[in-house]
N, C-alpha and C. Protein backbone atom coordinates (compact mmCIF):
# COMPACT_ATOMS: atom_id res chain seq x y z
N MET A 1 267.36 150.33 95.25
CA MET A 1 267.50 149.28 94.27
C MET A 1 266.10 148.81 93.87
N SER A 2 265.89 148.66 92.58
CA SER A 2 264.55 148.29 92.13
C SER A 2 264.29 146.80 92.35
N VAL A 3 263.04 146.45 92.31
CA VAL A 3 262.63 145.07 92.53
C VAL A 3 263.17 144.18 91.41
N ILE A 4 263.18 144.67 90.20
CA ILE A 4 263.66 143.87 89.07
C ILE A 4 265.15 143.55 89.24
N ALA A 5 265.91 144.52 89.70
CA ALA A 5 267.34 144.29 89.92
C ALA A 5 267.57 143.25 91.01
N ILE A 6 266.78 143.28 92.06
CA ILE A 6 266.91 142.30 93.14
C ILE A 6 266.55 140.90 92.64
N VAL A 7 265.50 140.80 91.86
CA VAL A 7 265.09 139.49 91.32
C VAL A 7 266.16 138.94 90.38
N LEU A 8 266.71 139.79 89.53
CA LEU A 8 267.76 139.33 88.61
C LEU A 8 269.02 138.91 89.37
N LEU A 9 269.38 139.65 90.40
CA LEU A 9 270.55 139.30 91.20
C LEU A 9 270.33 137.98 91.93
N ALA A 10 269.17 137.80 92.50
CA ALA A 10 268.87 136.54 93.20
C ALA A 10 268.87 135.36 92.23
N THR A 11 268.33 135.57 91.04
CA THR A 11 268.32 134.51 90.03
C THR A 11 269.73 134.14 89.61
N ALA A 12 270.56 135.14 89.42
CA ALA A 12 271.94 134.88 89.04
C ALA A 12 272.69 134.12 90.13
N ILE A 13 272.45 134.47 91.38
CA ILE A 13 273.11 133.78 92.49
C ILE A 13 272.66 132.32 92.56
N VAL A 14 271.38 132.07 92.37
CA VAL A 14 270.86 130.70 92.40
C VAL A 14 271.47 129.88 91.27
N VAL A 15 271.57 130.45 90.09
CA VAL A 15 272.14 129.72 88.96
C VAL A 15 273.62 129.42 89.20
N VAL A 16 274.35 130.36 89.77
CA VAL A 16 275.76 130.12 90.06
C VAL A 16 275.92 129.01 91.10
N ILE A 17 275.09 129.02 92.13
CA ILE A 17 275.14 127.97 93.14
C ILE A 17 274.79 126.62 92.52
N ALA A 18 273.80 126.59 91.62
CA ALA A 18 273.43 125.34 90.95
C ALA A 18 274.58 124.84 90.07
N LEU A 19 275.25 125.75 89.39
CA LEU A 19 276.40 125.35 88.57
C LEU A 19 277.54 124.81 89.42
N LEU A 20 277.79 125.44 90.56
CA LEU A 20 278.83 124.94 91.45
C LEU A 20 278.49 123.56 92.00
N ALA A 21 277.24 123.35 92.37
CA ALA A 21 276.83 122.03 92.85
C ALA A 21 276.96 120.98 91.75
N ALA A 22 276.59 121.35 90.53
CA ALA A 22 276.71 120.41 89.40
C ALA A 22 278.17 120.10 89.11
N ALA A 23 279.03 121.09 89.20
CA ALA A 23 280.46 120.85 88.99
C ALA A 23 281.02 119.93 90.07
N GLY A 24 280.59 120.13 91.29
CA GLY A 24 281.01 119.25 92.37
C GLY A 24 280.56 117.82 92.18
N ALA A 25 279.30 117.66 91.76
CA ALA A 25 278.79 116.31 91.51
C ALA A 25 279.53 115.65 90.35
N ALA A 26 279.83 116.42 89.32
CA ALA A 26 280.56 115.87 88.18
C ALA A 26 281.97 115.47 88.59
N THR A 27 282.61 116.28 89.41
CA THR A 27 283.96 115.96 89.87
C THR A 27 283.97 114.69 90.70
N LEU A 28 283.02 114.57 91.61
CA LEU A 28 282.95 113.36 92.43
C LEU A 28 282.67 112.13 91.59
N ALA A 29 281.79 112.27 90.59
CA ALA A 29 281.50 111.14 89.72
C ALA A 29 282.73 110.75 88.90
N HIS A 30 283.48 111.75 88.45
CA HIS A 30 284.69 111.48 87.67
C HIS A 30 285.74 110.79 88.53
N PHE A 31 285.90 111.25 89.77
CA PHE A 31 286.84 110.62 90.69
C PHE A 31 286.44 109.18 91.00
N ASP A 32 285.14 108.91 90.93
CA ASP A 32 284.62 107.57 91.20
C ASP A 32 284.86 106.63 90.02
N GLY A 33 285.31 107.17 88.90
CA GLY A 33 285.60 106.34 87.74
C GLY A 33 284.42 106.16 86.79
N ALA A 34 283.44 107.03 86.88
CA ALA A 34 282.27 106.93 86.01
C ALA A 34 282.62 107.35 84.58
N THR A 35 281.82 106.89 83.64
CA THR A 35 282.01 107.30 82.25
C THR A 35 281.58 108.75 82.09
N TRP A 36 281.97 109.35 80.97
CA TRP A 36 281.63 110.76 80.75
C TRP A 36 280.13 110.96 80.65
N ALA A 37 279.43 109.98 80.09
CA ALA A 37 277.97 110.10 80.00
C ALA A 37 277.34 110.13 81.40
N THR A 38 277.86 109.29 82.27
CA THR A 38 277.35 109.26 83.64
C THR A 38 277.72 110.54 84.38
N VAL A 39 278.91 111.05 84.15
CA VAL A 39 279.34 112.30 84.79
C VAL A 39 278.42 113.43 84.40
N VAL A 40 278.14 113.55 83.12
CA VAL A 40 277.26 114.64 82.64
C VAL A 40 275.84 114.45 83.17
N THR A 41 275.38 113.22 83.22
CA THR A 41 274.03 112.94 83.72
C THR A 41 273.91 113.33 85.18
N ARG A 42 274.89 112.97 85.99
CA ARG A 42 274.85 113.31 87.41
C ARG A 42 274.93 114.83 87.62
N ALA A 43 275.71 115.49 86.81
CA ALA A 43 275.80 116.95 86.90
C ALA A 43 274.46 117.58 86.53
N ALA A 44 273.83 117.09 85.48
CA ALA A 44 272.54 117.64 85.05
C ALA A 44 271.45 117.40 86.09
N ILE A 45 271.45 116.23 86.68
CA ILE A 45 270.46 115.92 87.72
C ILE A 45 270.66 116.82 88.92
N THR A 46 271.91 117.03 89.32
CA THR A 46 272.18 117.91 90.45
C THR A 46 271.78 119.34 90.16
N PHE A 47 272.09 119.82 88.95
CA PHE A 47 271.70 121.17 88.55
C PHE A 47 270.19 121.35 88.62
N ALA A 48 269.45 120.39 88.08
CA ALA A 48 267.99 120.47 88.09
C ALA A 48 267.43 120.38 89.50
N ALA A 49 268.05 119.56 90.34
CA ALA A 49 267.57 119.42 91.72
C ALA A 49 267.76 120.71 92.51
N VAL A 50 268.89 121.39 92.32
CA VAL A 50 269.12 122.64 93.03
C VAL A 50 268.13 123.71 92.56
N LEU A 51 267.87 123.77 91.27
CA LEU A 51 266.89 124.74 90.77
C LEU A 51 265.49 124.42 91.28
N ALA A 52 265.13 123.14 91.35
CA ALA A 52 263.82 122.75 91.88
C ALA A 52 263.70 123.09 93.36
N LEU A 53 264.77 122.87 94.10
CA LEU A 53 264.76 123.23 95.52
C LEU A 53 264.60 124.74 95.70
N ALA A 54 265.30 125.52 94.89
CA ALA A 54 265.18 126.97 94.97
C ALA A 54 263.76 127.42 94.64
N ALA A 55 263.14 126.79 93.66
CA ALA A 55 261.77 127.15 93.30
C ALA A 55 260.79 126.79 94.43
N ALA A 56 261.00 125.63 95.05
CA ALA A 56 260.12 125.23 96.15
C ALA A 56 260.28 126.16 97.35
N LEU A 57 261.51 126.53 97.66
CA LEU A 57 261.73 127.46 98.77
C LEU A 57 261.15 128.83 98.49
N THR A 58 261.28 129.29 97.25
CA THR A 58 260.71 130.58 96.88
C THR A 58 259.19 130.56 97.03
N THR A 59 258.56 129.49 96.61
CA THR A 59 257.11 129.37 96.75
C THR A 59 256.69 129.36 98.21
N ALA A 60 257.43 128.61 99.03
CA ALA A 60 257.09 128.54 100.46
C ALA A 60 257.28 129.90 101.13
N PHE A 61 258.38 130.58 100.82
CA PHE A 61 258.61 131.89 101.40
C PHE A 61 257.57 132.90 100.93
N ALA A 62 257.19 132.82 99.68
CA ALA A 62 256.19 133.76 99.15
C ALA A 62 254.85 133.56 99.86
N GLU A 63 254.46 132.30 100.06
CA GLU A 63 253.21 132.02 100.76
C GLU A 63 253.27 132.51 102.20
N THR A 64 254.39 132.27 102.85
CA THR A 64 254.53 132.69 104.26
C THR A 64 254.52 134.20 104.38
N LEU A 65 255.28 134.87 103.54
CA LEU A 65 255.34 136.33 103.62
C LEU A 65 254.03 136.98 103.23
N THR A 66 253.30 136.37 102.31
CA THR A 66 252.00 136.90 101.92
C THR A 66 251.02 136.81 103.08
N ASP A 67 251.08 135.68 103.82
CA ASP A 67 250.19 135.53 104.97
C ASP A 67 250.55 136.47 106.11
N ILE A 68 251.83 136.76 106.28
CA ILE A 68 252.26 137.62 107.37
C ILE A 68 251.84 139.07 107.11
N THR A 69 251.94 139.50 105.87
CA THR A 69 251.67 140.91 105.56
C THR A 69 250.18 141.24 105.53
N ARG A 70 249.33 140.26 105.58
CA ARG A 70 247.88 140.53 105.55
C ARG A 70 247.36 140.88 106.90
């Protein structure tokens, strides 16, 4: 499997997980009785937070693996 295929697959998995987390946050906000604007805002914040966490973990792993392979 090529490196590009692995990167695309990992990216797709991260986006799907972020979408699932956003849907969960939106559902919980809706059950809490929030307005639709608040529901969408909470979903967007959760989506962005999951992507930011994935980016931070990728950076940390890249730094660690780069140091190990030297």
